[in-house]
Protein backbone atom coordinates (compact mmCIF):
# COMPACT_ATOMS: atom_id res chain seq x y z
CA MET A 1 -19.14 1.29 -39.57
CA LYS A 2 -20.94 4.47 -38.44
CA GLY A 3 -18.67 4.33 -35.21
CA ASN A 4 -15.62 4.23 -37.46
CA LYS A 5 -16.94 7.36 -39.53
CA LYS A 6 -17.24 9.40 -36.22
CA SER A 7 -13.80 8.43 -35.03
CA PRO A 8 -11.95 11.08 -36.90
CA TYR A 9 -14.30 13.79 -35.40
CA LEU A 10 -13.52 12.50 -31.99
CA PHE A 11 -9.76 12.99 -32.62
CA LEU A 12 -10.44 16.51 -34.00
CA ALA A 13 -12.76 17.65 -31.10
CA PRO A 14 -10.13 18.81 -28.60
CA TYR A 15 -8.47 20.92 -31.24
CA LEU A 16 -11.80 22.14 -32.62
CA THR A 17 -12.91 23.01 -29.20
CA LEU A 18 -9.77 25.07 -28.50
CA PHE A 19 -9.76 26.71 -31.75
CA THR A 20 -13.49 27.85 -31.35
CA LEU A 21 -12.95 29.01 -27.81
CA PHE A 22 -9.59 31.00 -28.30
CA ILE A 23 -9.79 31.97 -31.97
CA VAL A 24 -13.25 31.95 -33.45
CA VAL A 25 -15.03 33.43 -30.49
CA PRO A 26 -12.53 36.21 -29.96
CA VAL A 27 -12.52 37.25 -33.42
CA VAL A 28 -16.38 37.21 -33.69
CA MET A 29 -16.57 39.21 -30.41
CA ALA A 30 -13.86 41.69 -31.68
CA ILE A 31 -15.88 42.35 -34.95
CA PHE A 32 -19.10 42.75 -32.96
CA LEU A 33 -17.46 45.25 -30.37
CA SER A 34 -15.81 47.13 -33.24
CA PHE A 35 -19.29 48.54 -34.10
CA THR A 36 -19.91 49.54 -30.63
CA ASN A 37 -19.00 52.07 -27.92
CA PHE A 38 -17.98 49.96 -25.05
CA ASN A 39 -16.00 51.01 -21.84
CA THR A 40 -15.83 47.59 -20.19
CA ILE A 41 -18.30 48.64 -17.45
CA GLU A 42 -21.45 49.74 -19.24
CA THR A 43 -23.58 47.85 -21.85
CA PRO A 44 -22.08 48.19 -25.44
CA ASN A 45 -23.87 50.99 -27.36
CA PHE A 46 -24.15 50.20 -31.17
CA VAL A 47 -22.66 52.96 -33.21
CA GLY A 48 -22.36 51.50 -36.69
CA PHE A 49 -19.27 52.28 -38.66
CA MET A 50 -18.36 55.29 -36.61
CA ASN A 51 -15.24 53.66 -35.06
CA TYR A 52 -13.71 52.92 -38.57
CA ILE A 53 -14.76 56.47 -39.75
CA ASN A 54 -13.12 57.99 -36.70
CA LEU A 55 -9.96 55.80 -37.34
CA LEU A 56 -9.62 57.05 -40.85
CA THR A 57 -10.68 60.70 -40.44
CA GLN A 58 -10.24 61.75 -36.80
CA ASP A 59 -7.35 59.72 -35.32
CA GLU A 60 -4.34 61.95 -36.18
CA ILE A 61 -2.02 59.82 -33.93
CA PHE A 62 -2.94 56.64 -36.05
CA MET A 63 -2.54 58.43 -39.45
CA GLN A 64 0.60 60.50 -38.67
CA TYR A 65 2.59 58.20 -36.43
CA VAL A 66 1.16 54.71 -35.93
CA LEU A 67 0.40 53.73 -39.58
CA PRO A 68 3.69 55.01 -40.98
CA ASN A 69 5.82 53.32 -38.16
CA THR A 70 4.02 50.03 -38.50
CA ILE A 71 4.48 50.01 -42.27
CA LEU A 72 8.09 51.15 -42.22
CA PHE A 73 8.78 48.52 -39.35
CA ALA A 74 6.98 45.87 -41.28
CA VAL A 75 8.58 46.38 -44.67
CA ILE A 76 12.01 46.23 -43.08
CA VAL A 77 11.79 43.57 -40.34
CA GLY A 78 9.37 41.37 -42.15
CA PRO A 79 11.28 40.63 -45.44
CA GLY A 80 14.60 41.37 -43.62
CA GLY A 81 14.04 38.75 -40.97
CA TYR A 82 12.58 36.36 -43.53
CA ILE A 83 15.73 36.69 -45.91
CA LEU A 84 18.04 36.53 -42.82
CA SER A 85 16.36 33.34 -41.52
CA PHE A 86 16.52 31.60 -44.87
CA LEU A 87 20.19 32.57 -45.60
CA LEU A 88 21.30 31.45 -42.04
CA ALA A 89 19.33 28.11 -42.37
CA TRP A 90 20.98 27.45 -45.75
CA VAL A 91 24.46 28.32 -44.36
CA LEU A 92 24.05 26.17 -41.22
CA ALA A 93 22.82 23.33 -43.23
CA GLN A 94 26.07 23.04 -44.94
CA LEU A 95 27.93 22.45 -41.49
CA PRO A 96 28.40 19.07 -39.72
CA LYS A 97 25.71 18.19 -37.26
CA LEU A 98 27.44 19.34 -33.91
CA PRO A 99 28.33 22.78 -34.93
CA ARG A 100 25.04 23.18 -36.84
CA THR A 101 23.06 22.25 -33.69
CA VAL A 102 25.22 24.65 -31.54
CA PHE A 103 24.72 27.62 -33.95
CA ALA A 104 20.91 27.00 -34.47
CA LEU A 105 20.58 27.13 -30.72
CA ILE A 106 22.53 30.29 -30.47
CA PHE A 107 20.39 31.92 -33.30
CA TYR A 108 17.14 30.71 -32.02
CA SER A 109 17.51 31.50 -28.46
CA PRO A 110 16.90 35.32 -28.69
CA SER A 111 13.35 34.42 -30.05
CA MET A 112 12.75 32.62 -26.77
CA THR A 113 14.33 35.24 -24.41
CA ALA A 114 13.56 38.48 -26.38
CA GLY A 115 11.56 40.17 -23.37
CA ILE A 116 14.13 39.43 -20.69
CA ALA A 117 17.16 40.23 -23.14
CA MET A 118 15.47 43.54 -24.06
CA ALA A 119 15.06 44.49 -20.53
CA VAL A 120 18.70 43.59 -19.57
CA VAL A 121 21.02 43.45 -22.70
CA TRP A 122 19.62 46.12 -25.08
CA ARG A 123 18.78 48.63 -22.44
CA VAL A 124 22.30 48.30 -21.20
CA ILE A 125 23.72 48.61 -24.64
CA PHE A 126 21.71 51.68 -25.36
CA SER A 127 21.82 53.34 -21.81
CA GLY A 128 21.72 57.12 -22.05
CA ASN A 129 24.76 57.70 -19.88
CA GLN A 130 28.42 57.29 -20.43
CA SER A 131 28.34 53.66 -19.17
CA GLY A 132 26.02 52.55 -21.95
CA TYR A 133 28.16 50.54 -24.43
CA ALA A 134 26.91 52.37 -27.48
CA ASN A 135 27.75 55.72 -25.85
CA HIS A 136 31.06 54.59 -24.57
CA ILE A 137 32.31 53.22 -28.01
CA LEU A 138 31.04 56.21 -29.88
CA MET A 139 32.71 58.71 -27.44
CA THR A 140 35.94 56.71 -27.42
CA LEU A 141 36.13 56.83 -31.25
CA GLY A 142 35.31 60.51 -30.99
CA VAL A 143 32.06 60.27 -33.11
CA ILE A 144 30.00 61.96 -30.38
CA ASN A 145 31.08 64.44 -27.62
CA GLU A 146 28.40 63.62 -25.01
CA PRO A 147 25.93 60.75 -24.21
CA ILE A 148 22.98 60.13 -26.31
CA ILE A 149 19.80 59.24 -24.57
CA TRP A 150 18.99 56.57 -27.35
CA LEU A 151 15.75 55.08 -25.81
CA GLN A 152 14.08 58.66 -25.33
CA ASP A 153 15.28 60.44 -28.52
CA THR A 154 12.66 60.12 -31.12
CA ARG A 155 15.35 60.03 -34.01
CA TYR A 156 16.63 56.58 -32.75
CA ILE A 157 13.68 54.71 -31.14
CA LEU A 158 12.30 53.13 -34.25
CA VAL A 159 15.67 52.32 -35.61
CA ILE A 160 16.72 50.61 -32.29
CA MET A 161 13.35 48.71 -32.42
CA ILE A 162 14.15 47.42 -35.94
CA VAL A 163 17.62 46.28 -34.95
CA VAL A 164 16.16 44.36 -31.91
CA ALA A 165 13.40 42.87 -34.10
CA LEU A 166 15.85 41.54 -36.55
CA TRP A 167 18.03 40.15 -33.85
CA SER A 168 15.06 38.29 -32.31
CA SER A 169 13.55 37.09 -35.59
CA MET A 170 15.09 33.84 -35.87
CA GLY A 171 12.13 31.87 -34.47
CA VAL A 172 10.15 28.85 -35.49
CA GLY A 173 10.30 29.92 -39.16
CA PHE A 174 14.01 29.80 -39.07
CA LEU A 175 13.86 26.23 -37.83
CA ALA A 176 11.44 25.17 -40.41
CA MET A 177 13.55 26.53 -43.01
CA MET A 178 16.54 24.56 -41.78
CA SER A 179 14.45 21.63 -41.59
CA GLY A 180 13.42 22.07 -45.16
CA VAL A 181 16.87 22.52 -46.39
CA LEU A 182 18.05 19.49 -44.56
CA ASN A 183 15.28 17.23 -45.88
CA ILE A 184 15.87 17.91 -49.65
CA ASP A 185 16.46 14.83 -51.49
CA GLN A 186 20.36 14.91 -52.22
CA THR A 187 19.72 12.97 -55.60
CA LEU A 188 18.20 16.25 -56.99
CA TYR A 189 21.54 17.93 -56.51
CA GLU A 190 23.23 14.92 -58.35
CA ALA A 191 20.74 15.16 -61.13
CA GLY A 192 21.16 19.05 -61.22
CA ALA A 193 24.93 18.56 -61.58
CA ILE A 194 24.34 16.26 -64.63
CA ASP A 195 21.85 18.74 -66.21
CA GLY A 196 24.36 21.51 -65.97
CA ILE A 197 24.04 23.26 -62.53
CA LYS A 198 27.65 24.30 -61.85
CA ASN A 199 27.64 26.32 -58.46
CA ARG A 200 25.87 26.68 -55.28
CA PHE A 201 24.07 29.72 -56.32
CA GLN A 202 22.44 27.88 -59.14
CA GLU A 203 21.51 24.91 -56.72
CA LEU A 204 19.98 27.40 -54.43
CA ILE A 205 17.81 29.01 -57.08
CA TYR A 206 16.80 25.97 -59.02
CA ILE A 207 16.55 23.10 -56.43
CA THR A 208 16.79 24.44 -52.87
CA ILE A 209 14.08 27.16 -52.92
CA PRO A 210 11.58 25.18 -55.28
CA SER A 211 11.94 22.06 -53.08
CA MET A 212 11.10 23.87 -49.72
CA LYS A 213 8.10 25.97 -50.71
CA PRO A 214 5.91 24.70 -47.76
CA GLN A 215 8.57 25.61 -45.32
CA MET A 216 9.10 28.96 -46.76
CA LEU A 217 5.31 29.64 -46.75
CA PHE A 218 5.25 28.77 -43.16
CA GLY A 219 8.25 30.90 -42.36
CA ALA A 220 6.61 33.84 -44.36
CA VAL A 221 3.37 33.66 -42.51
CA MET A 222 5.15 33.37 -39.09
CA ALA A 223 7.30 36.44 -40.15
CA ILE A 224 4.23 38.33 -41.04
CA VAL A 225 2.40 37.64 -37.82
CA GLY A 226 5.44 38.15 -35.71
CA THR A 227 6.13 41.52 -37.42
CA PHE A 228 2.68 42.90 -36.80
CA ASN A 229 2.60 41.81 -33.32
CA ALA A 230 5.92 43.04 -32.36
CA GLY A 231 4.54 46.12 -30.30
CA ALA A 232 6.01 44.99 -27.08
CA ILE A 233 9.55 45.91 -28.18
CA GLY A 234 9.09 49.68 -28.14
CA VAL A 235 7.41 49.47 -24.68
CA GLN A 236 9.85 47.42 -23.13
CA LEU A 237 12.76 49.58 -24.50
CA THR A 238 11.32 52.97 -23.64
CA GLY A 239 9.48 51.86 -20.56
CA ALA A 240 6.24 53.55 -21.57
CA ASN A 241 3.06 53.13 -23.74
CA PRO A 242 2.64 55.28 -25.71
CA THR A 243 6.38 55.60 -26.70
CA PRO A 244 7.87 59.00 -26.47
CA SER A 245 6.26 61.35 -28.84
CA TYR A 246 4.75 58.24 -30.50
CA ALA A 247 8.27 57.64 -32.31
CA GLY A 248 7.77 53.95 -31.78
CA GLN A 249 4.20 53.38 -31.53
CA LEU A 250 2.89 50.51 -33.63
CA MET A 251 -0.55 49.23 -34.20
CA VAL A 252 -0.42 46.84 -31.32
CA ASN A 253 0.64 49.65 -28.98
CA HIS A 254 -2.16 51.77 -30.17
CA ILE A 255 -4.76 48.86 -29.50
CA GLU A 256 -3.24 48.49 -25.97
CA ASP A 257 -3.45 52.20 -25.39
CA TYR A 258 -7.04 52.52 -26.28
CA GLY A 259 -8.14 49.08 -24.91
CA PHE A 260 -6.40 48.81 -21.59
CA ILE A 261 -5.39 52.40 -20.71
CA ARG A 262 -8.24 54.46 -22.06
CA PHE A 263 -10.79 51.62 -21.83
CA GLU A 264 -12.29 52.40 -25.27
CA MET A 265 -12.75 48.85 -26.15
CA GLY A 266 -15.00 49.41 -29.19
CA TYR A 267 -12.42 51.63 -30.86
CA ALA A 268 -9.70 49.20 -29.81
CA ALA A 269 -11.76 46.35 -31.35
CA ALA A 270 -11.94 48.30 -34.63
CA LEU A 271 -8.12 48.81 -34.60
CA SER A 272 -7.66 45.10 -34.09
CA VAL A 273 -10.04 44.16 -36.84
CA VAL A 274 -8.09 46.37 -39.19
CA LEU A 275 -4.83 44.72 -38.08
CA LEU A 276 -6.28 41.33 -38.57
CA LEU A 277 -7.42 42.33 -42.26
CA ILE A 278 -3.86 43.51 -42.99
CA ILE A 279 -2.15 40.25 -41.64
CA TYR A 280 -4.72 38.29 -43.63
CA LEU A 281 -4.00 40.22 -46.84
CA PHE A 282 -0.22 39.72 -46.56
CA ALA A 283 -0.54 35.95 -45.53
CA THR A 284 -2.69 35.55 -48.72
CA ILE A 285 -0.01 37.14 -50.96
CA SER A 286 2.57 34.83 -49.35
CA LYS A 287 0.40 31.88 -50.08
CA LYS A 288 -0.04 32.85 -53.60
CA LEU A 289 3.83 33.16 -53.99
CA PHE A 290 4.73 29.97 -52.30
CA SER A 291 2.04 27.59 -52.70
CA GLU A 292 2.41 24.49 -54.74
CA ALA A 293 1.21 24.83 -58.42
């Protein structure tokens, strides 16, 4: 009997080991380093809350560019991508199996090839010369008279980043939502029709959404994590970190800048802890909204 009681822990051991090594230990190390001055070579020097104080009072780039950019990016891409994922999943669920599978693959593929696509497709579309598709179309229509250097112009960098992020937001959250829609018991819709539900919109509000709260919670968490970790978009589009005049600089870029370019690991760790707390806050709000009562 004692051996049987230990069996579940043996099955959990590989996961717990990997979770501890790659999640718990890095988080603990980041929290520890955030209270130090560490340049990756010398021994960390304990400085208390100085990194957090400097973040809030001395880092003008963070307060003037990084934080506003991150909030604007997250507010648009997070809910926008989430709503778009749900609506596309619901629409595709109405199609027969073959076209549904084809369209699901088409919508999901950008999330797998986002890095390659940004380097090839989007940089060609927003090329700064006349051969760029965006410039060519706008000049042909007479909207502009000369090419716009899209990926270096501070007025457009963040906008383009948001467009690309929305385009590549159909990831595993989208698949989870489509799975949730497809697995709803069809008898619920029949019962709803008997109880007075008259159209597809009422089915969506009163049956579909309440029946797939676990999938919607998972999609919300994935959207939050993906949005706040989307710093690579600006770097890949503009080819530089920091982005030109910090126009597309997000918190992840700021962490990479201080951690791997300036080698101020203590300050970078403080930034990462703040980012972790922000993600945790939004994930907790999502859980309260979508968790089962």
